[in-house]
Amino acid sequence: MFVEQGIKAVRMDDIAQELSVSKRTLYELFNDKEELIYQSLRYYMEDSRERRLHHISDIDNPLEIMVVNLRDMIDAAPVAGRIRRNIRRFYPSIYKRLEEDVQSKSKNDLVRWVAGCMECGYFEKSVKVKFAVDVLHHSVHGMLVNTLDEERPSSELVEMMSYSLLVFIRGLCTIDGQRIIDECTTKYFSNI
């Protein structure tokens, strides 16, 4: 309900009615609406991450895994950005907690993918993993939560994110990695 209708639009009465429980029961389970929002959105974000990881479970190439995950995150960016902007605006304490939860997992995933690409020879040996991860992470995060993009059409945001991330990743690649990026671009990014 929070994702579909917006955080401020959903009242505790609406949630209780949707779940066929009393409002009192909700308050027994969650101390307040903020805790319910936090737990709901944390579950939503973790479920999205798990679905992305499951989606790539049959891919064994770390560069393709990275590209597919980034594509899935980019596809979800318009909704995720709207959610993050609303949380930051209306519930800053929840925003801080969620960002701490989600960002550490996101960075760990990126470290694993970049290191895997280096081990397979798809990224140049001179790549500084921490620096590359920080650039990738801050690029995606910045585009997701930047309030300047609230007026940007979703399709333009997705195309902008796709282009900027693929250009950056391609710059890290060896010749073998560039070949894989070209294949992945054709296979997964028809929008650019």
C-alpha atoms as a PDB file:
ATOM      1  CA  MET A   1       0.000   0.000   0.000  1.00  0.00           C
ATOM      2  CA  PHE A   2       2.836   2.381   0.835  1.00  0.00           C
ATOM      3  CA  VAL A   3       4.513   1.704  -2.510  1.00  0.00           C
ATOM      4  CA  GLU A   4       1.339   1.903  -4.581  1.00  0.00           C
ATOM      5  CA  GLN A   5      -0.490   4.736  -2.833  1.00  0.00           C
ATOM      6  CA  GLY A   6       2.299   6.734  -1.234  1.00  0.00           C
ATOM      7  CA  ILE A   7       3.447   6.836   2.351  1.00  0.00           C
ATOM      8  CA  LYS A   8       1.423   9.845   3.451  1.00  0.00           C
ATOM      9  CA  ALA A   9      -1.773   8.625   1.756  1.00  0.00           C
ATOM     10  CA  VAL A  10      -1.976   5.372   3.750  1.00  0.00           C
ATOM     11  CA  ARG A  11      -3.551   5.630   7.188  1.00  0.00           C
ATOM     12  CA  MET A  12      -3.420   3.065   9.971  1.00  0.00           C
ATOM     13  CA  ASP A  13      -7.181   2.589   9.510  1.00  0.00           C
ATOM     14  CA  ASP A  14      -6.575   1.688   5.839  1.00  0.00           C
ATOM     15  CA  ILE A  15      -3.915  -0.857   6.777  1.00  0.00           C
ATOM     16  CA  ALA A  16      -6.080  -2.426   9.478  1.00  0.00           C
ATOM     17  CA  GLN A  17      -8.985  -2.709   7.054  1.00  0.00           C
ATOM     18  CA  GLU A  18      -6.782  -4.197   4.309  1.00  0.00           C
ATOM     19  CA  LEU A  19      -5.394  -6.792   6.737  1.00  0.00           C
ATOM     20  CA  SER A  20      -8.781  -7.448   8.348  1.00  0.00           C
ATOM     21  CA  VAL A  21      -7.423  -6.678  11.813  1.00  0.00           C
ATOM     22  CA  SER A  22      -8.198  -3.999  14.317  1.00  0.00           C
ATOM     23  CA  LYS A  23      -6.155  -0.839  14.552  1.00  0.00           C
ATOM     24  CA  ARG A  24      -5.398  -1.836  18.118  1.00  0.00           C
ATOM     25  CA  THR A  25      -3.841  -5.093  16.877  1.00  0.00           C
ATOM     26  CA  LEU A  26      -1.579  -3.090  14.561  1.00  0.00           C
ATOM     27  CA  TYR A  27      -0.422  -0.984  17.486  1.00  0.00           C
ATOM     28  CA  GLU A  28       0.238  -4.134  19.506  1.00  0.00           C
ATOM     29  CA  LEU A  29       2.445  -5.458  16.691  1.00  0.00           C
ATOM     30  CA  PHE A  30       4.132  -2.149  15.877  1.00  0.00           C
ATOM     31  CA  ASN A  31       4.759   0.634  18.358  1.00  0.00           C
ATOM     32  CA  ASP A  32       3.649   3.308  15.921  1.00  0.00           C
ATOM     33  CA  LYS A  33       3.085   4.040  12.250  1.00  0.00           C
ATOM     34  CA  GLU A  34       6.765   4.860  11.750  1.00  0.00           C
ATOM     35  CA  GLU A  35       7.828   1.379  12.886  1.00  0.00           C
ATOM     36  CA  LEU A  36       5.217  -0.169  10.576  1.00  0.00           C
ATOM     37  CA  ILE A  37       6.486   1.933   7.657  1.00  0.00           C
ATOM     38  CA  TYR A  38      10.093   1.034   8.431  1.00  0.00           C
ATOM     39  CA  GLN A  39       9.408  -2.712   8.714  1.00  0.00           C
ATOM     40  CA  SER A  40       7.185  -2.740   5.613  1.00  0.00           C
ATOM     41  CA  LEU A  41       9.631  -0.883   3.409  1.00  0.00           C
ATOM     42  CA  ARG A  42      12.630  -2.807   4.731  1.00  0.00           C
ATOM     43  CA  TYR A  43      10.807  -6.015   3.822  1.00  0.00           C
ATOM     44  CA  TYR A  44       9.853  -4.593   0.400  1.00  0.00           C
ATOM     45  CA  MET A  45      13.452  -3.566  -0.367  1.00  0.00           C
ATOM     46  CA  GLU A  46      14.937  -6.830   0.881  1.00  0.00           C
ATOM     47  CA  ASP A  47      12.372  -8.809  -1.108  1.00  0.00           C
ATOM     48  CA  SER A  48      13.282  -6.799  -4.231  1.00  0.00           C
ATOM     49  CA  ARG A  49      16.982  -7.532  -3.642  1.00  0.00           C
ATOM     50  CA  GLU A  50      16.288 -11.251  -3.129  1.00  0.00           C
ATOM     51  CA  ARG A  51      14.246 -11.384  -6.355  1.00  0.00           C
ATOM     52  CA  ARG A  52      17.136  -9.731  -8.237  1.00  0.00           C
ATOM     53  CA  LEU A  53      19.615 -12.224  -6.781  1.00  0.00           C
ATOM     54  CA  HIS A  54      17.331 -15.146  -7.630  1.00  0.00           C
ATOM     55  CA  HIS A  55      16.904 -13.784 -11.144  1.00  0.00           C
ATOM     56  CA  ILE A  56      20.648 -14.141 -11.772  1.00  0.00           C
ATOM     57  CA  SER A  57      21.130 -17.492 -10.025  1.00  0.00           C
ATOM     58  CA  ASP A  58      21.655 -19.319 -13.340  1.00  0.00           C
ATOM     59  CA  ILE A  59      24.233 -16.817 -14.661  1.00  0.00           C
ATOM     60  CA  ASP A  60      27.862 -17.708 -13.940  1.00  0.00           C
ATOM     61  CA  ASN A  61      29.637 -14.705 -15.490  1.00  0.00           C
ATOM     62  CA  PRO A  62      30.249 -12.031 -12.807  1.00  0.00           C
ATOM     63  CA  LEU A  63      30.144  -9.177 -15.328  1.00  0.00           C
ATOM     64  CA  GLU A  64      26.812 -10.323 -16.710  1.00  0.00           C
ATOM     65  CA  ILE A  65      25.531 -10.775 -13.128  1.00  0.00           C
ATOM     66  CA  MET A  66      26.549  -7.214 -12.361  1.00  0.00           C
ATOM     67  CA  VAL A  67      24.935  -5.835 -15.518  1.00  0.00           C
ATOM     68  CA  VAL A  68      21.671  -7.745 -14.982  1.00  0.00           C
ATOM     69  CA  ASN A  69      21.434  -6.591 -11.360  1.00  0.00           C
ATOM     70  CA  LEU A  70      22.140  -2.994 -12.294  1.00  0.00           C
ATOM     71  CA  ARG A  71      19.562  -3.207 -15.085  1.00  0.00           C
ATOM     72  CA  ASP A  72      16.961  -4.525 -12.648  1.00  0.00           C
ATOM     73  CA  MET A  73      17.785  -1.752 -10.159  1.00  0.00           C
ATOM     74  CA  ILE A  74      17.577   0.820 -12.940  1.00  0.00           C
ATOM     75  CA  ASP A  75      14.197  -0.533 -14.073  1.00  0.00           C
ATOM     76  CA  ALA A  76      12.938  -0.160 -10.498  1.00  0.00           C
ATOM     77  CA  ALA A  77      14.521   3.300 -10.115  1.00  0.00           C
ATOM     78  CA  PRO A  78      11.465   5.479 -10.773  1.00  0.00           C
ATOM     79  CA  VAL A  79       9.425   3.773  -8.033  1.00  0.00           C
ATOM     80  CA  ALA A  80      12.381   3.376  -5.661  1.00  0.00           C
ATOM     81  CA  GLY A  81      13.349   7.019  -6.124  1.00  0.00           C
ATOM     82  CA  ARG A  82       9.812   8.197  -5.392  1.00  0.00           C
ATOM     83  CA  ILE A  83       9.683   6.059  -2.250  1.00  0.00           C
ATOM     84  CA  ARG A  84      13.065   7.298  -1.038  1.00  0.00           C
ATOM     85  CA  ARG A  85      12.237  10.957  -1.690  1.00  0.00           C
ATOM     86  CA  ASN A  86       8.938  10.641   0.204  1.00  0.00           C
ATOM     87  CA  ILE A  87      10.530   8.865   3.142  1.00  0.00           C
ATOM     88  CA  ARG A  88      13.325  11.428   3.300  1.00  0.00           C
ATOM     89  CA  ARG A  89      10.800  14.270   3.197  1.00  0.00           C
ATOM     90  CA  PHE A  90       8.155  12.972   5.612  1.00  0.00           C
ATOM     91  CA  TYR A  91      10.019  10.471   7.804  1.00  0.00           C
ATOM     92  CA  PRO A  92      13.731  11.368   7.942  1.00  0.00           C
ATOM     93  CA  SER A  93      14.472   8.980  10.810  1.00  0.00           C
ATOM     94  CA  ILE A  94      13.036   6.053   8.815  1.00  0.00           C
ATOM     95  CA  TYR A  95      14.972   7.213   5.766  1.00  0.00           C
ATOM     96  CA  LYS A  96      18.224   7.111   7.728  1.00  0.00           C
ATOM     97  CA  ARG A  97      17.531   3.627   9.109  1.00  0.00           C
ATOM     98  CA  LEU A  98      16.530   2.213   5.711  1.00  0.00           C
ATOM     99  CA  GLU A  99      19.506   3.737   3.947  1.00  0.00           C
ATOM    100  CA  GLU A 100      21.872   2.198   6.492  1.00  0.00           C
ATOM    101  CA  ASP A 101      20.235  -1.210   6.046  1.00  0.00           C
ATOM    102  CA  VAL A 102      20.010  -1.191   2.274  1.00  0.00           C
ATOM    103  CA  GLN A 103      23.203   0.641   1.371  1.00  0.00           C
ATOM    104  CA  SER A 104      25.560  -1.734   3.175  1.00  0.00           C
ATOM    105  CA  LYS A 105      24.077  -4.741   1.340  1.00  0.00           C
ATOM    106  CA  SER A 106      24.168  -2.875  -1.947  1.00  0.00           C
ATOM    107  CA  LYS A 107      27.818  -1.941  -1.496  1.00  0.00           C
ATOM    108  CA  ASN A 108      28.715  -5.509  -0.487  1.00  0.00           C
ATOM    109  CA  ASP A 109      27.046  -6.815  -3.649  1.00  0.00           C
ATOM    110  CA  LEU A 110      28.983  -4.319  -5.775  1.00  0.00           C
ATOM    111  CA  VAL A 111      32.296  -5.235  -4.107  1.00  0.00           C
ATOM    112  CA  ARG A 112      31.635  -8.914  -4.797  1.00  0.00           C
ATOM    113  CA  TRP A 113      30.769  -8.254  -8.459  1.00  0.00           C
ATOM    114  CA  VAL A 114      33.704  -5.917  -9.133  1.00  0.00           C
ATOM    115  CA  ALA A 115      36.149  -8.311  -7.438  1.00  0.00           C
ATOM    116  CA  GLY A 116      34.685 -11.218  -9.432  1.00  0.00           C
ATOM    117  CA  CYS A 117      35.119  -9.278 -12.667  1.00  0.00           C
ATOM    118  CA  MET A 118      38.751  -8.589 -11.782  1.00  0.00           C
ATOM    119  CA  GLU A 119      39.399 -12.250 -10.924  1.00  0.00           C
ATOM    120  CA  CYS A 120      38.001 -13.344 -14.292  1.00  0.00           C
ATOM    121  CA  GLY A 121      40.065 -10.755 -16.159  1.00  0.00           C
ATOM    122  CA  TYR A 122      37.071  -8.680 -17.275  1.00  0.00           C
ATOM    123  CA  PHE A 123      38.232  -5.570 -15.394  1.00  0.00           C
ATOM    124  CA  GLU A 124      41.699  -4.061 -15.583  1.00  0.00           C
ATOM    125  CA  LYS A 125      43.987  -5.154 -12.729  1.00  0.00           C
ATOM    126  CA  SER A 126      44.612  -1.486 -11.901  1.00  0.00           C
ATOM    127  CA  VAL A 127      40.956  -0.933 -10.914  1.00  0.00           C
ATOM    128  CA  LYS A 128      40.635   0.208  -7.327  1.00  0.00           C
ATOM    129  CA  VAL A 129      37.668  -1.826  -6.076  1.00  0.00           C
ATOM    130  CA  LYS A 130      36.632   0.586  -3.312  1.00  0.00           C
ATOM    131  CA  PHE A 131      36.812   3.588  -5.645  1.00  0.00           C
ATOM    132  CA  ALA A 132      34.873   1.819  -8.424  1.00  0.00           C
ATOM    133  CA  VAL A 133      32.203   0.668  -5.951  1.00  0.00           C
ATOM    134  CA  ASP A 134      31.887   4.163  -4.471  1.00  0.00           C
ATOM    135  CA  VAL A 135      31.443   5.713  -7.919  1.00  0.00           C
ATOM    136  CA  LEU A 136      28.865   3.109  -8.968  1.00  0.00           C
ATOM    137  CA  HIS A 137      27.020   3.283  -5.669  1.00  0.00           C
ATOM    138  CA  HIS A 138      26.929   7.071  -5.473  1.00  0.00           C
ATOM    139  CA  SER A 139      25.915   7.353  -9.123  1.00  0.00           C
ATOM    140  CA  VAL A 140      22.912   5.066  -8.701  1.00  0.00           C
ATOM    141  CA  HIS A 141      22.012   6.479  -5.288  1.00  0.00           C
ATOM    142  CA  GLY A 142      22.366  10.056  -6.493  1.00  0.00           C
ATOM    143  CA  MET A 143      20.088   9.500  -9.450  1.00  0.00           C
ATOM    144  CA  LEU A 144      17.538   7.691  -7.280  1.00  0.00           C
ATOM    145  CA  VAL A 145      17.183  10.321  -4.582  1.00  0.00           C
ATOM    146  CA  ASN A 146      18.074  13.511  -6.410  1.00  0.00           C
ATOM    147  CA  THR A 147      15.064  15.771  -6.030  1.00  0.00           C
ATOM    148  CA  LEU A 148      15.910  17.445  -9.342  1.00  0.00           C
ATOM    149  CA  ASP A 149      14.779  14.260 -11.081  1.00  0.00           C
ATOM    150  CA  GLU A 150      11.264  14.367  -9.632  1.00  0.00           C
ATOM    151  CA  GLU A 151      10.031  16.067 -12.796  1.00  0.00           C
ATOM    152  CA  ARG A 152      12.083  13.914 -15.143  1.00  0.00           C
ATOM    153  CA  PRO A 153      10.036  11.313 -17.052  1.00  0.00           C
ATOM    154  CA  SER A 154      10.660   7.767 -15.812  1.00  0.00           C
ATOM    155  CA  SER A 155      11.810   6.586 -19.230  1.00  0.00           C
ATOM    156  CA  GLU A 156      14.404   9.372 -19.391  1.00  0.00           C
ATOM    157  CA  LEU A 157      15.685   8.576 -15.890  1.00  0.00           C
ATOM    158  CA  VAL A 158      16.043   4.882 -16.785  1.00  0.00           C
ATOM    159  CA  GLU A 159      17.866   5.723 -20.016  1.00  0.00           C
ATOM    160  CA  MET A 160      20.176   8.212 -18.269  1.00  0.00           C
ATOM    161  CA  MET A 161      21.073   5.713 -15.537  1.00  0.00           C
ATOM    162  CA  SER A 162      21.612   2.897 -18.037  1.00  0.00           C
ATOM    163  CA  TYR A 163      23.879   4.980 -20.215  1.00  0.00           C
ATOM    164  CA  SER A 164      25.994   6.464 -17.430  1.00  0.00           C
ATOM    165  CA  LEU A 165      26.534   3.151 -15.627  1.00  0.00           C
ATOM    166  CA  LEU A 166      27.372   1.203 -18.779  1.00  0.00           C
ATOM    167  CA  VAL A 167      29.853   3.862 -19.883  1.00  0.00           C
ATOM    168  CA  PHE A 168      31.540   3.776 -16.473  1.00  0.00           C
ATOM    169  CA  ILE A 169      31.636  -0.045 -16.316  1.00  0.00           C
ATOM    170  CA  ARG A 170      32.934  -0.249 -19.888  1.00  0.00           C
ATOM    171  CA  GLY A 171      35.793   2.039 -18.853  1.00  0.00           C
ATOM    172  CA  LEU A 172      36.882  -0.518 -16.231  1.00  0.00           C
ATOM    173  CA  CYS A 173      36.909  -3.380 -18.725  1.00  0.00           C
ATOM    174  CA  THR A 174      39.671  -5.272 -20.457  1.00  0.00           C
ATOM    175  CA  ILE A 175      39.155  -6.244 -24.106  1.00  0.00           C
ATOM    176  CA  ASP A 176      37.371  -9.435 -22.939  1.00  0.00           C
ATOM    177  CA  GLY A 177      35.210  -7.411 -20.576  1.00  0.00           C
ATOM    178  CA  GLN A 178      34.303  -4.934 -23.323  1.00  0.00           C
ATOM    179  CA  ARG A 179      33.139  -7.809 -25.515  1.00  0.00           C
ATOM    180  CA  ILE A 180      30.888  -9.055 -22.700  1.00  0.00           C
ATOM    181  CA  ILE A 181      29.589  -5.534 -22.008  1.00  0.00           C
ATOM    182  CA  ASP A 182      28.722  -5.162 -25.704  1.00  0.00           C
ATOM    183  CA  GLU A 183      26.846  -8.493 -25.622  1.00  0.00           C
ATOM    184  CA  CYS A 184      25.062  -7.529 -22.394  1.00  0.00           C
ATOM    185  CA  THR A 185      24.141  -4.105 -23.760  1.00  0.00           C
ATOM    186  CA  THR A 186      22.496  -5.728 -26.767  1.00  0.00           C
ATOM    187  CA  LYS A 187      20.824  -8.405 -24.638  1.00  0.00           C
ATOM    188  CA  TYR A 188      19.653  -6.351 -21.641  1.00  0.00           C
ATOM    189  CA  PHE A 189      19.616  -2.664 -22.576  1.00  0.00           C
ATOM    190  CA  SER A 190      17.482  -2.140 -25.650  1.00  0.00           C
ATOM    191  CA  ASN A 191      16.649   1.353 -24.344  1.00  0.00           C
ATOM    192  CA  ILE A 192      20.071   2.839 -25.174  1.00  0.00           C
END
